[in-house]
Amino acid sequence: MIKTAIYGASGYTGQELLRILSCHPAAEIVALTSRTLTGQTIGSVYPHLCGLPLTFTDLSPEAVAELADVIFLALPHNAAMKAAPVFLEAGKRVIDLSADFRLRDERIYNLWYGKHEAPALLSQAAYGIPELYRRQIEKARLVANPGCYPTSVILGLAPLLKGGWIDHSTIIADSKSGVSGAGREAQVGSLFCEVAEGFRAYKVGEHRHTPEIEQELSRLAGSDIRITFTPHLLPVNRGILSTIYASLKRGVTTGELISHYQEFYRGEEFIRIYQKGAFPNISSVRGTNFCDLALSVDERVRRVTIISAIDNLVKGAAGQAVQNMNIISGIPEETALKSLPVFP
């Protein structure tokens, strides 16, 4: 059995990790930490998990390292970098769900998140999108689990960037997220009366996921890329729908691009490519590790539109983290992740 711990387990991502791991045939949950919920049972905080005989504890990283083989860091940005070195020095594998190890350039991290306190680890972290970096993840001791918005945008654009199909300077990503993406802490902008029956953009031109998206798109293209990225808040619990636009370098049809995507993602368990004229809905990926992709070419102006849908808490966070754990542990990648969507 893989002894797992969730360090910082009180938020939405932590509970989603717990939900998935509790059904994992090869994983044993040995520690759940939370300073604010110490001593409380899982069921008292998350009633839907009341059947699990687990209690929140306030253990030090050193104590958790003695119990677990794989540690999921579900901590805020700037906190994971303080705990990760302890686990790594103890010879453990770490999957970090914060942004602390996603950016390889310390200067860029400092600009967007504040001073990095463990910069030597930045070059050691594998960026955890399995469909693109499976080989690096297999060997990694530290996996930087991608952000939710970046996952939707990067998977949507990867086949076009690797093949040199688009003009990089024309990329626009327009993304919409459910409210759970803001976390569980009370915030005015996430209150029911602030969100219900509304739909708005936020952090226009300054969202922290922008440098992460640009870093990985540049890596795929082999040249520096800058994009326009605009996030929006949907009045729903979970899900991300990204609509991505770019100008094509040559004339192609929708059918040709669909065939290209099918070939690029051949054999990928969690990528579903839609047929021409069909487009994803966030309700179709709810509670799953799928990324649903659709394409449409406007031949009149030679532009492509890519639609990408994921569950921000699963493929955008906890599900992808478990997928990465499976890879570094040498077990089938889809283990505990084959749930179909709940509908309606």
C-alpha atoms as a PDB file:
ATOM      1  CA  MET A   1       0.000   0.000   0.000  1.00  0.00           C
ATOM      2  CA  ILE A   2       1.081   3.581  -0.698  1.00  0.00           C
ATOM      3  CA  LYS A   3       0.971   5.498   2.569  1.00  0.00           C
ATOM      4  CA  THR A   4      -0.353   8.945   1.728  1.00  0.00           C
ATOM      5  CA  ALA A   5      -0.808  12.172   3.666  1.00  0.00           C
ATOM      6  CA  ILE A   6      -2.667  15.363   2.805  1.00  0.00           C
ATOM      7  CA  TYR A   7      -0.824  18.255   4.386  1.00  0.00           C
ATOM      8  CA  GLY A   8      -3.353  21.072   4.649  1.00  0.00           C
ATOM      9  CA  ALA A   9      -6.505  19.030   4.126  1.00  0.00           C
ATOM     10  CA  SER A  10      -9.298  21.381   5.185  1.00  0.00           C
ATOM     11  CA  GLY A  11     -10.096  23.105   1.872  1.00  0.00           C
ATOM     12  CA  TYR A  12     -12.004  22.031  -1.209  1.00  0.00           C
ATOM     13  CA  THR A  13      -8.917  20.560  -2.846  1.00  0.00           C
ATOM     14  CA  GLY A  14      -8.033  18.643   0.305  1.00  0.00           C
ATOM     15  CA  GLN A  15     -11.482  17.114   0.612  1.00  0.00           C
ATOM     16  CA  GLU A  16     -11.499  16.205  -3.079  1.00  0.00           C
ATOM     17  CA  LEU A  17      -8.150  14.450  -2.617  1.00  0.00           C
ATOM     18  CA  LEU A  18      -9.637  12.621   0.340  1.00  0.00           C
ATOM     19  CA  ARG A  19     -12.727  11.595  -1.657  1.00  0.00           C
ATOM     20  CA  ILE A  20     -10.601  10.129  -4.454  1.00  0.00           C
ATOM     21  CA  LEU A  21      -7.945   8.506  -2.249  1.00  0.00           C
ATOM     22  CA  SER A  22     -10.577   6.868  -0.053  1.00  0.00           C
ATOM     23  CA  CYS A  23     -11.580   4.790  -3.096  1.00  0.00           C
ATOM     24  CA  HIS A  24      -7.999   4.067  -4.188  1.00  0.00           C
ATOM     25  CA  PRO A  25      -7.218   0.340  -3.869  1.00  0.00           C
ATOM     26  CA  ALA A  26      -3.468   0.931  -3.464  1.00  0.00           C
ATOM     27  CA  ALA A  27      -3.502   3.981  -1.169  1.00  0.00           C
ATOM     28  CA  GLU A  28      -3.768   4.224   2.603  1.00  0.00           C
ATOM     29  CA  ILE A  29      -4.442   7.672   4.102  1.00  0.00           C
ATOM     30  CA  VAL A  30      -2.262   7.968   7.198  1.00  0.00           C
ATOM     31  CA  ALA A  31      -2.495  11.689   8.001  1.00  0.00           C
ATOM     32  CA  LEU A  32      -4.725  14.696   7.359  1.00  0.00           C
ATOM     33  CA  THR A  33      -3.443  17.953   8.779  1.00  0.00           C
ATOM     34  CA  SER A  34      -5.204  21.202   9.578  1.00  0.00           C
ATOM     35  CA  ARG A  35      -4.278  23.712  12.250  1.00  0.00           C
ATOM     36  CA  THR A  36      -7.786  25.161  12.425  1.00  0.00           C
ATOM     37  CA  LEU A  37      -9.684  21.845  12.461  1.00  0.00           C
ATOM     38  CA  THR A  38      -7.429  19.777  14.735  1.00  0.00           C
ATOM     39  CA  GLY A  39      -9.340  17.071  16.565  1.00  0.00           C
ATOM     40  CA  GLN A  40     -12.444  17.305  14.398  1.00  0.00           C
ATOM     41  CA  THR A  41     -13.638  14.330  12.374  1.00  0.00           C
ATOM     42  CA  ILE A  42     -13.940  14.488   8.620  1.00  0.00           C
ATOM     43  CA  GLY A  43     -17.693  13.960   8.853  1.00  0.00           C
ATOM     44  CA  SER A  44     -18.198  16.941  11.150  1.00  0.00           C
ATOM     45  CA  VAL A  45     -16.583  19.256   8.600  1.00  0.00           C
ATOM     46  CA  TYR A  46     -17.657  17.547   5.368  1.00  0.00           C
ATOM     47  CA  PRO A  47     -20.861  15.569   6.047  1.00  0.00           C
ATOM     48  CA  HIS A  48     -20.721  13.873   2.637  1.00  0.00           C
ATOM     49  CA  LEU A  49     -17.565  12.079   3.871  1.00  0.00           C
ATOM     50  CA  CYS A  50     -19.018  11.080   7.236  1.00  0.00           C
ATOM     51  CA  GLY A  51     -18.370   7.372   6.661  1.00  0.00           C
ATOM     52  CA  LEU A  52     -14.597   7.849   6.730  1.00  0.00           C
ATOM     53  CA  PRO A  53     -13.028   7.181  10.168  1.00  0.00           C
ATOM     54  CA  LEU A  54     -10.484   9.990   9.936  1.00  0.00           C
ATOM     55  CA  THR A  55      -9.662  12.995  12.096  1.00  0.00           C
ATOM     56  CA  PHE A  56      -7.755  16.196  11.370  1.00  0.00           C
ATOM     57  CA  THR A  57      -4.436  16.502  13.187  1.00  0.00           C
ATOM     58  CA  ASP A  58      -1.850  19.244  13.611  1.00  0.00           C
ATOM     59  CA  LEU A  59       1.371  17.390  12.896  1.00  0.00           C
ATOM     60  CA  SER A  60       4.727  18.860  11.941  1.00  0.00           C
ATOM     61  CA  PRO A  61       6.231  18.025   8.549  1.00  0.00           C
ATOM     62  CA  GLU A  62       8.800  15.878  10.356  1.00  0.00           C
ATOM     63  CA  ALA A  63       6.052  13.839  12.050  1.00  0.00           C
ATOM     64  CA  VAL A  64       4.131  13.373   8.796  1.00  0.00           C
ATOM     65  CA  ALA A  65       7.328  12.300   7.023  1.00  0.00           C
ATOM     66  CA  GLU A  66       7.640   9.413   9.477  1.00  0.00           C
ATOM     67  CA  LEU A  67       4.159   8.168   8.547  1.00  0.00           C
ATOM     68  CA  ALA A  68       3.776   8.692   4.790  1.00  0.00           C
ATOM     69  CA  ASP A  69       5.523   7.778   1.551  1.00  0.00           C
ATOM     70  CA  VAL A  70       3.725  10.312  -0.667  1.00  0.00           C
ATOM     71  CA  ILE A  71       2.667  13.712   0.643  1.00  0.00           C
ATOM     72  CA  PHE A  72       0.136  15.949  -1.083  1.00  0.00           C
ATOM     73  CA  LEU A  73       0.677  19.602  -0.205  1.00  0.00           C
ATOM     74  CA  ALA A  74      -2.736  21.319  -0.278  1.00  0.00           C
ATOM     75  CA  LEU A  75      -1.345  24.483   1.274  1.00  0.00           C
ATOM     76  CA  PRO A  76      -1.634  28.137   0.251  1.00  0.00           C
ATOM     77  CA  HIS A  77       0.972  29.682  -2.015  1.00  0.00           C
ATOM     78  CA  ASN A  78       4.130  30.624  -0.086  1.00  0.00           C
ATOM     79  CA  ALA A  79       3.456  27.935   2.543  1.00  0.00           C
ATOM     80  CA  ALA A  80       4.214  24.788   0.535  1.00  0.00           C
ATOM     81  CA  MET A  81       7.804  25.910  -0.130  1.00  0.00           C
ATOM     82  CA  LYS A  82       8.479  25.790   3.619  1.00  0.00           C
ATOM     83  CA  ALA A  83       7.193  22.247   4.106  1.00  0.00           C
ATOM     84  CA  ALA A  84       8.409  20.575   0.897  1.00  0.00           C
ATOM     85  CA  PRO A  85      12.145  20.566   1.768  1.00  0.00           C
ATOM     86  CA  VAL A  86      11.474  18.635   4.983  1.00  0.00           C
ATOM     87  CA  PHE A  87       9.672  15.851   3.135  1.00  0.00           C
ATOM     88  CA  LEU A  88      12.218  15.706   0.326  1.00  0.00           C
ATOM     89  CA  GLU A  89      15.145  15.525   2.755  1.00  0.00           C
ATOM     90  CA  ALA A  90      13.374  12.583   4.398  1.00  0.00           C
ATOM     91  CA  GLY A  91      13.318  10.791   1.039  1.00  0.00           C
ATOM     92  CA  LYS A  92       9.583  11.180   0.432  1.00  0.00           C
ATOM     93  CA  ARG A  93       7.755  11.982  -2.807  1.00  0.00           C
ATOM     94  CA  VAL A  94       5.905  15.299  -2.827  1.00  0.00           C
ATOM     95  CA  ILE A  95       3.017  16.455  -5.009  1.00  0.00           C
ATOM     96  CA  ASP A  96       2.436  20.162  -4.473  1.00  0.00           C
ATOM     97  CA  LEU A  97      -0.945  21.608  -5.437  1.00  0.00           C
ATOM     98  CA  SER A  98       0.065  25.236  -4.794  1.00  0.00           C
ATOM     99  CA  ALA A  99       1.932  27.451  -7.263  1.00  0.00           C
ATOM    100  CA  ASP A 100       5.190  27.329  -5.297  1.00  0.00           C
ATOM    101  CA  PHE A 101       7.088  25.041  -7.700  1.00  0.00           C
ATOM    102  CA  ARG A 102       5.279  25.588 -10.997  1.00  0.00           C
ATOM    103  CA  LEU A 103       7.397  28.509 -12.219  1.00  0.00           C
ATOM    104  CA  ARG A 104      10.984  27.633 -13.053  1.00  0.00           C
ATOM    105  CA  ASP A 105      12.244  31.228 -13.038  1.00  0.00           C
ATOM    106  CA  GLU A 106      12.688  32.504  -9.473  1.00  0.00           C
ATOM    107  CA  ARG A 107      12.493  36.094 -10.659  1.00  0.00           C
ATOM    108  CA  ILE A 108       9.070  35.556 -12.220  1.00  0.00           C
ATOM    109  CA  TYR A 109       7.792  33.777  -9.109  1.00  0.00           C
ATOM    110  CA  ASN A 110       8.954  36.665  -6.934  1.00  0.00           C
ATOM    111  CA  LEU A 111       7.177  39.132  -9.202  1.00  0.00           C
ATOM    112  CA  TRP A 112       3.793  37.375  -9.049  1.00  0.00           C
ATOM    113  CA  TYR A 113       3.761  35.617  -5.659  1.00  0.00           C
ATOM    114  CA  GLY A 114       6.441  37.132  -3.421  1.00  0.00           C
ATOM    115  CA  LYS A 115       9.909  35.971  -2.463  1.00  0.00           C
ATOM    116  CA  HIS A 116      10.609  32.275  -2.960  1.00  0.00           C
ATOM    117  CA  GLU A 117      12.259  30.617   0.020  1.00  0.00           C
ATOM    118  CA  ALA A 118      13.353  27.374  -1.653  1.00  0.00           C
ATOM    119  CA  PRO A 119      14.535  28.431  -5.118  1.00  0.00           C
ATOM    120  CA  ALA A 120      16.984  25.536  -5.420  1.00  0.00           C
ATOM    121  CA  LEU A 121      14.022  23.172  -5.762  1.00  0.00           C
ATOM    122  CA  LEU A 122      12.465  24.968  -8.739  1.00  0.00           C
ATOM    123  CA  SER A 123      14.651  23.153 -11.253  1.00  0.00           C
ATOM    124  CA  GLN A 124      13.910  19.779  -9.626  1.00  0.00           C
ATOM    125  CA  ALA A 125      10.132  19.937  -9.920  1.00  0.00           C
ATOM    126  CA  ALA A 126       8.378  18.113 -12.756  1.00  0.00           C
ATOM    127  CA  TYR A 127       5.423  20.002 -14.183  1.00  0.00           C
ATOM    128  CA  GLY A 128       2.541  17.612 -13.629  1.00  0.00           C
ATOM    129  CA  ILE A 129       0.497  17.376 -16.819  1.00  0.00           C
ATOM    130  CA  PRO A 130       0.829  13.624 -17.513  1.00  0.00           C
ATOM    131  CA  GLU A 131      -0.355  13.826 -21.108  1.00  0.00           C
ATOM    132  CA  LEU A 132       2.652  16.020 -21.917  1.00  0.00           C
ATOM    133  CA  TYR A 133       5.359  15.226 -19.350  1.00  0.00           C
ATOM    134  CA  ARG A 134       4.772  11.644 -18.251  1.00  0.00           C
ATOM    135  CA  ARG A 135       8.446  10.610 -18.482  1.00  0.00           C
ATOM    136  CA  GLN A 136       9.650  13.505 -16.329  1.00  0.00           C
ATOM    137  CA  ILE A 137       6.941  12.810 -13.754  1.00  0.00           C
ATOM    138  CA  GLU A 138       7.903   9.135 -13.488  1.00  0.00           C
ATOM    139  CA  LYS A 139      11.374  10.051 -12.199  1.00  0.00           C
ATOM    140  CA  ALA A 140      10.416  13.062 -10.094  1.00  0.00           C
ATOM    141  CA  ARG A 141      10.663  13.399  -6.333  1.00  0.00           C
ATOM    142  CA  LEU A 142       8.750  16.683  -6.489  1.00  0.00           C
ATOM    143  CA  VAL A 143       5.768  17.214  -8.799  1.00  0.00           C
ATOM    144  CA  ALA A 144       4.329  20.690  -9.306  1.00  0.00           C
ATOM    145  CA  ASN A 145       0.645  20.027  -9.890  1.00  0.00           C
ATOM    146  CA  PRO A 146      -0.587  22.537 -12.511  1.00  0.00           C
ATOM    147  CA  GLY A 147      -3.134  25.250 -11.891  1.00  0.00           C
ATOM    148  CA  CYS A 148      -6.719  24.689 -13.001  1.00  0.00           C
ATOM    149  CA  TYR A 149      -6.891  27.433 -15.638  1.00  0.00           C
ATOM    150  CA  PRO A 150      -3.443  26.484 -17.037  1.00  0.00           C
ATOM    151  CA  THR A 151      -4.470  22.829 -17.339  1.00  0.00           C
ATOM    152  CA  SER A 152      -7.484  23.721 -19.473  1.00  0.00           C
ATOM    153  CA  VAL A 153      -5.570  26.147 -21.696  1.00  0.00           C
ATOM    154  CA  ILE A 154      -2.361  24.125 -22.111  1.00  0.00           C
ATOM    155  CA  LEU A 155      -4.146  20.880 -23.017  1.00  0.00           C
ATOM    156  CA  GLY A 156      -6.290  22.832 -25.437  1.00  0.00           C
ATOM    157  CA  LEU A 157      -3.346  24.399 -27.270  1.00  0.00           C
ATOM    158  CA  ALA A 158      -0.599  21.751 -27.048  1.00  0.00           C
ATOM    159  CA  PRO A 159      -1.350  19.930 -30.338  1.00  0.00           C
ATOM    160  CA  LEU A 160      -1.333  23.204 -32.304  1.00  0.00           C
ATOM    161  CA  LEU A 161       1.859  24.527 -30.710  1.00  0.00           C
ATOM    162  CA  LYS A 162       3.820  21.292 -31.127  1.00  0.00           C
ATOM    163  CA  GLY A 163       2.879  21.186 -34.795  1.00  0.00           C
ATOM    164  CA  GLY A 164       3.468  24.872 -35.549  1.00  0.00           C
ATOM    165  CA  TRP A 165      -0.091  25.369 -36.754  1.00  0.00           C
ATOM    166  CA  ILE A 166      -0.832  28.814 -35.287  1.00  0.00           C
ATOM    167  CA  ASP A 167       0.522  32.354 -35.058  1.00  0.00           C
ATOM    168  CA  HIS A 168       1.674  32.569 -31.415  1.00  0.00           C
ATOM    169  CA  SER A 169       1.078  36.312 -31.205  1.00  0.00           C
ATOM    170  CA  THR A 170      -2.677  35.913 -31.738  1.00  0.00           C
ATOM    171  CA  ILE A 171      -3.559  33.601 -28.813  1.00  0.00           C
ATOM    172  CA  ILE A 172      -6.460  34.717 -26.621  1.00  0.00           C
ATOM    173  CA  ALA A 173      -7.753  32.536 -23.757  1.00  0.00           C
ATOM    174  CA  ASP A 174     -11.136  33.392 -22.303  1.00  0.00           C
ATOM    175  CA  SER A 175     -11.799  31.164 -19.266  1.00  0.00           C
ATOM    176  CA  LYS A 176     -14.764  30.724 -16.937  1.00  0.00           C
ATOM    177  CA  SER A 177     -14.582  29.031 -13.534  1.00  0.00           C
ATOM    178  CA  GLY A 178     -16.936  27.841 -10.830  1.00  0.00           C
ATOM    179  CA  VAL A 179     -16.760  29.488  -7.401  1.00  0.00           C
ATOM    180  CA  SER A 180     -14.913  26.601  -5.721  1.00  0.00           C
ATOM    181  CA  GLY A 181     -11.795  27.789  -7.555  1.00  0.00           C
ATOM    182  CA  ALA A 182     -11.603  30.661  -5.055  1.00  0.00           C
ATOM    183  CA  GLY A 183     -11.200  28.244  -2.132  1.00  0.00           C
ATOM    184  CA  ARG A 184     -13.281  27.628   0.990  1.00  0.00           C
ATOM    185  CA  GLU A 185     -12.318  30.653   3.067  1.00  0.00           C
ATOM    186  CA  ALA A 186     -15.039  33.288   3.332  1.00  0.00           C
ATOM    187  CA  GLN A 187     -14.579  36.121   0.819  1.00  0.00           C
ATOM    188  CA  VAL A 188     -17.058  38.805  -0.144  1.00  0.00           C
ATOM    189  CA  GLY A 189     -16.638  38.067  -3.846  1.00  0.00           C
ATOM    190  CA  SER A 190     -17.584  34.422  -3.290  1.00  0.00           C
ATOM    191  CA  LEU A 191     -20.721  34.993  -1.216  1.00  0.00           C
ATOM    192  CA  PHE A 192     -23.956  33.612  -2.648  1.00  0.00           C
ATOM    193  CA  CYS A 193     -25.553  37.037  -3.162  1.00  0.00           C
ATOM    194  CA  GLU A 194     -22.421  38.292  -4.916  1.00  0.00           C
ATOM    195  CA  VAL A 195     -22.258  35.354  -7.336  1.00  0.00           C
ATOM    196  CA  ALA A 196     -25.787  34.058  -7.938  1.00  0.00           C
ATOM    197  CA  GLU A 197     -27.432  35.282 -11.159  1.00  0.00           C
ATOM    198  CA  GLY A 198     -24.227  37.043 -12.155  1.00  0.00           C
ATOM    199  CA  PHE A 199     -21.308  36.488 -14.521  1.00  0.00           C
ATOM    200  CA  ARG A 200     -18.228  38.695 -14.433  1.00  0.00           C
ATOM    201  CA  ALA A 201     -14.594  38.974 -15.396  1.00  0.00           C
ATOM    202  CA  TYR A 202     -11.943  39.468 -12.709  1.00  0.00           C
ATOM    203  CA  LYS A 203      -8.190  40.131 -12.471  1.00  0.00           C
ATOM    204  CA  VAL A 204      -8.210  41.149 -16.110  1.00  0.00           C
ATOM    205  CA  GLY A 205      -4.651  41.250 -17.431  1.00  0.00           C
ATOM    206  CA  GLU A 206      -3.161  40.408 -14.014  1.00  0.00           C
ATOM    207  CA  HIS A 207      -4.172  36.888 -13.025  1.00  0.00           C
ATOM    208  CA  ARG A 208      -1.384  34.872 -11.375  1.00  0.00           C
ATOM    209  CA  HIS A 209      -1.897  31.925 -13.703  1.00  0.00           C
ATOM    210  CA  THR A 210      -0.761  34.011 -16.686  1.00  0.00           C
ATOM    211  CA  PRO A 211       3.013  33.406 -16.270  1.00  0.00           C
ATOM    212  CA  GLU A 212       2.411  29.689 -15.716  1.00  0.00           C
ATOM    213  CA  ILE A 213       0.387  29.421 -18.918  1.00  0.00           C
ATOM    214  CA  GLU A 214       2.966  31.415 -20.875  1.00  0.00           C
ATOM    215  CA  GLN A 215       5.859  29.362 -19.484  1.00  0.00           C
ATOM    216  CA  GLU A 216       4.358  26.063 -20.597  1.00  0.00           C
ATOM    217  CA  LEU A 217       3.081  27.301 -23.956  1.00  0.00           C
ATOM    218  CA  SER A 218       6.563  28.675 -24.678  1.00  0.00           C
ATOM    219  CA  ARG A 219       8.073  25.337 -23.714  1.00  0.00           C
ATOM    220  CA  LEU A 220       5.775  23.506 -26.127  1.00  0.00           C
ATOM    221  CA  ALA A 221       6.359  25.956 -28.977  1.00  0.00           C
ATOM    222  CA  GLY A 222      10.103  26.307 -28.467  1.00  0.00           C
ATOM    223  CA  SER A 223       9.826  30.092 -28.530  1.00  0.00           C
ATOM    224  CA  ASP A 224       8.670  32.885 -26.242  1.00  0.00           C
ATOM    225  CA  ILE A 225       4.887  33.283 -26.108  1.00  0.00           C
ATOM    226  CA  ARG A 226       2.723  35.991 -24.560  1.00  0.00           C
ATOM    227  CA  ILE A 227      -1.047  35.654 -24.507  1.00  0.00           C
ATOM    228  CA  THR A 228      -4.161  37.550 -23.523  1.00  0.00           C
ATOM    229  CA  PHE A 229      -5.794  35.645 -20.652  1.00  0.00           C
ATOM    230  CA  THR A 230      -9.088  36.750 -19.094  1.00  0.00           C
ATOM    231  CA  PRO A 231     -10.737  34.738 -16.280  1.00  0.00           C
ATOM    232  CA  HIS A 232     -14.435  34.953 -15.407  1.00  0.00           C
ATOM    233  CA  LEU A 233     -16.483  33.763 -12.433  1.00  0.00           C
ATOM    234  CA  LEU A 234     -19.493  31.560 -13.145  1.00  0.00           C
ATOM    235  CA  PRO A 235     -22.372  31.186 -10.637  1.00  0.00           C
ATOM    236  CA  VAL A 236     -21.783  27.416 -10.343  1.00  0.00           C
ATOM    237  CA  ASN A 237     -19.917  25.265  -7.820  1.00  0.00           C
ATOM    238  CA  ARG A 238     -17.300  23.705 -10.047  1.00  0.00           C
ATOM    239  CA  GLY A 239     -16.017  23.462 -13.584  1.00  0.00           C
ATOM    240  CA  ILE A 240     -13.857  25.445 -16.023  1.00  0.00           C
ATOM    241  CA  LEU A 241     -14.730  26.225 -19.615  1.00  0.00           C
ATOM    242  CA  SER A 242     -11.934  27.839 -21.631  1.00  0.00           C
ATOM    243  CA  THR A 243     -12.555  29.296 -25.068  1.00  0.00           C
ATOM    244  CA  ILE A 244      -9.238  29.783 -26.851  1.00  0.00           C
ATOM    245  CA  TYR A 245      -8.697  31.677 -30.110  1.00  0.00           C
ATOM    246  CA  ALA A 246      -5.726  31.837 -32.491  1.00  0.00           C
ATOM    247  CA  SER A 247      -4.961  32.611 -36.129  1.00  0.00           C
ATOM    248  CA  LEU A 248      -3.907  29.662 -38.274  1.00  0.00           C
ATOM    249  CA  LYS A 249      -0.733  29.798 -40.353  1.00  0.00           C
ATOM    250  CA  ARG A 250      -2.293  27.864 -43.203  1.00  0.00           C
ATOM    251  CA  GLY A 251      -5.701  26.897 -44.446  1.00  0.00           C
ATOM    252  CA  VAL A 252      -7.080  23.788 -42.739  1.00  0.00           C
ATOM    253  CA  THR A 253     -10.545  22.451 -42.017  1.00  0.00           C
ATOM    254  CA  THR A 254     -12.193  21.619 -38.710  1.00  0.00           C
ATOM    255  CA  GLY A 255     -12.093  17.952 -39.626  1.00  0.00           C
ATOM    256  CA  GLU A 256      -8.355  18.035 -40.270  1.00  0.00           C
ATOM    257  CA  LEU A 257      -7.681  19.615 -36.879  1.00  0.00           C
ATOM    258  CA  ILE A 258      -9.941  17.125 -35.105  1.00  0.00           C
ATOM    259  CA  SER A 259      -7.978  14.301 -36.719  1.00  0.00           C
ATOM    260  CA  HIS A 260      -4.720  15.954 -35.605  1.00  0.00           C
ATOM    261  CA  TYR A 261      -5.955  16.192 -32.002  1.00  0.00           C
ATOM    262  CA  GLN A 262      -7.145  12.585 -32.034  1.00  0.00           C
ATOM    263  CA  GLU A 263      -3.717  11.464 -33.166  1.00  0.00           C
ATOM    264  CA  PHE A 264      -1.864  13.741 -30.719  1.00  0.00           C
ATOM    265  CA  TYR A 265      -3.850  12.437 -27.738  1.00  0.00           C
ATOM    266  CA  ARG A 266      -4.165   8.845 -28.940  1.00  0.00           C
ATOM    267  CA  GLY A 267      -4.300   6.466 -25.984  1.00  0.00           C
ATOM    268  CA  GLU A 268      -4.816   9.210 -23.395  1.00  0.00           C
ATOM    269  CA  GLU A 269      -7.428   7.942 -20.957  1.00  0.00           C
ATOM    270  CA  PHE A 270      -8.616  11.356 -19.792  1.00  0.00           C
ATOM    271  CA  ILE A 271      -8.740  13.375 -23.017  1.00  0.00           C
ATOM    272  CA  ARG A 272     -11.992  13.276 -24.973  1.00  0.00           C
ATOM    273  CA  ILE A 273     -12.078  14.888 -28.437  1.00  0.00           C
ATOM    274  CA  TYR A 274     -15.517  15.935 -29.697  1.00  0.00           C
ATOM    275  CA  GLN A 275     -16.784  15.381 -33.211  1.00  0.00           C
ATOM    276  CA  LYS A 276     -17.394  18.345 -35.534  1.00  0.00           C
ATOM    277  CA  GLY A 277     -20.305  20.513 -34.423  1.00  0.00           C
ATOM    278  CA  ALA A 278     -20.340  19.217 -30.827  1.00  0.00           C
ATOM    279  CA  PHE A 279     -18.994  21.314 -27.944  1.00  0.00           C
ATOM    280  CA  PRO A 280     -18.204  20.536 -24.265  1.00  0.00           C
ATOM    281  CA  ASN A 281     -20.295  21.507 -21.291  1.00  0.00           C
ATOM    282  CA  ILE A 282     -18.846  21.716 -17.775  1.00  0.00           C
ATOM    283  CA  SER A 283     -21.726  19.494 -16.623  1.00  0.00           C
ATOM    284  CA  SER A 284     -20.266  16.732 -18.795  1.00  0.00           C
ATOM    285  CA  VAL A 285     -17.016  16.581 -16.804  1.00  0.00           C
ATOM    286  CA  ARG A 286     -18.400  17.215 -13.312  1.00  0.00           C
ATOM    287  CA  GLY A 287     -16.619  15.091 -10.711  1.00  0.00           C
ATOM    288  CA  THR A 288     -14.292  13.496 -13.282  1.00  0.00           C
ATOM    289  CA  ASN A 289     -10.674  13.642 -14.396  1.00  0.00           C
ATOM    290  CA  PHE A 290     -11.616  14.241 -18.030  1.00  0.00           C
ATOM    291  CA  CYS A 291     -10.557  17.147 -20.206  1.00  0.00           C
ATOM    292  CA  ASP A 292     -13.075  17.511 -23.030  1.00  0.00           C
ATOM    293  CA  LEU A 293     -11.874  19.312 -26.168  1.00  0.00           C
ATOM    294  CA  ALA A 294     -13.666  20.608 -29.258  1.00  0.00           C
ATOM    295  CA  LEU A 295     -12.473  22.583 -32.269  1.00  0.00           C
ATOM    296  CA  SER A 296     -13.961  24.840 -34.892  1.00  0.00           C
ATOM    297  CA  VAL A 297     -12.194  26.554 -37.796  1.00  0.00           C
ATOM    298  CA  ASP A 298     -13.624  29.747 -39.231  1.00  0.00           C
ATOM    299  CA  GLU A 299     -12.167  29.363 -42.722  1.00  0.00           C
ATOM    300  CA  ARG A 300     -13.430  32.830 -43.688  1.00  0.00           C
ATOM    301  CA  VAL A 301     -10.908  34.533 -41.349  1.00  0.00           C
ATOM    302  CA  ARG A 302      -8.548  31.537 -40.912  1.00  0.00           C
ATOM    303  CA  ARG A 303      -8.981  31.363 -37.133  1.00  0.00           C
ATOM    304  CA  VAL A 304      -9.404  28.375 -34.859  1.00  0.00           C
ATOM    305  CA  THR A 305     -11.528  28.233 -31.711  1.00  0.00           C
ATOM    306  CA  ILE A 306     -10.725  25.557 -29.129  1.00  0.00           C
ATOM    307  CA  ILE A 307     -13.198  24.764 -26.353  1.00  0.00           C
ATOM    308  CA  SER A 308     -11.756  23.031 -23.275  1.00  0.00           C
ATOM    309  CA  ALA A 309     -13.794  21.796 -20.300  1.00  0.00           C
ATOM    310  CA  ILE A 310     -12.524  20.348 -17.014  1.00  0.00           C
ATOM    311  CA  ASP A 311     -13.643  20.016 -13.417  1.00  0.00           C
ATOM    312  CA  ASN A 312     -11.396  22.523 -11.635  1.00  0.00           C
ATOM    313  CA  LEU A 313     -11.263  20.385  -8.477  1.00  0.00           C
ATOM    314  CA  VAL A 314     -10.466  17.111 -10.267  1.00  0.00           C
ATOM    315  CA  LYS A 315      -8.465  17.371 -13.513  1.00  0.00           C
ATOM    316  CA  GLY A 316      -7.673  20.939 -12.413  1.00  0.00           C
ATOM    317  CA  ALA A 317      -6.367  19.861  -8.991  1.00  0.00           C
ATOM    318  CA  ALA A 318      -6.943  16.677  -6.945  1.00  0.00           C
ATOM    319  CA  GLY A 319      -7.613  14.223  -9.769  1.00  0.00           C
ATOM    320  CA  GLN A 320      -4.506  15.237 -11.683  1.00  0.00           C
ATOM    321  CA  ALA A 321      -2.532  15.016  -8.426  1.00  0.00           C
ATOM    322  CA  VAL A 322      -3.670  11.410  -7.908  1.00  0.00           C
ATOM    323  CA  GLN A 323      -2.896  10.699 -11.570  1.00  0.00           C
ATOM    324  CA  ASN A 324       0.628  11.954 -10.874  1.00  0.00           C
ATOM    325  CA  MET A 325       0.875   9.821  -7.724  1.00  0.00           C
ATOM    326  CA  ASN A 326      -0.065   6.761  -9.744  1.00  0.00           C
ATOM    327  CA  ILE A 327       2.670   7.527 -12.256  1.00  0.00           C
ATOM    328  CA  ILE A 328       5.469   8.021  -9.700  1.00  0.00           C
ATOM    329  CA  SER A 329       4.293   4.899  -7.854  1.00  0.00           C
ATOM    330  CA  GLY A 330       4.365   2.721 -10.963  1.00  0.00           C
ATOM    331  CA  ILE A 331       0.701   1.701 -10.870  1.00  0.00           C
ATOM    332  CA  PRO A 332      -1.935   2.071 -13.618  1.00  0.00           C
ATOM    333  CA  GLU A 333      -2.443   5.763 -14.227  1.00  0.00           C
ATOM    334  CA  GLU A 334      -6.219   5.610 -14.210  1.00  0.00           C
ATOM    335  CA  THR A 335      -6.483   3.910 -10.791  1.00  0.00           C
ATOM    336  CA  ALA A 336      -9.312   5.480  -8.711  1.00  0.00           C
ATOM    337  CA  LEU A 337      -9.992   8.002 -11.493  1.00  0.00           C
ATOM    338  CA  LYS A 338     -12.341   6.223 -13.870  1.00  0.00           C
ATOM    339  CA  SER A 339     -15.582   7.705 -12.524  1.00  0.00           C
ATOM    340  CA  LEU A 340     -18.015   8.895 -15.173  1.00  0.00           C
ATOM    341  CA  PRO A 341     -19.709  12.295 -14.828  1.00  0.00           C
ATOM    342  CA  VAL A 342     -22.734  12.747 -12.595  1.00  0.00           C
ATOM    343  CA  PHE A 343     -25.666  14.024 -14.642  1.00  0.00           C
ATOM    344  CA  PRO A 344     -27.919  15.943 -14.362  1.00  0.00           C
END
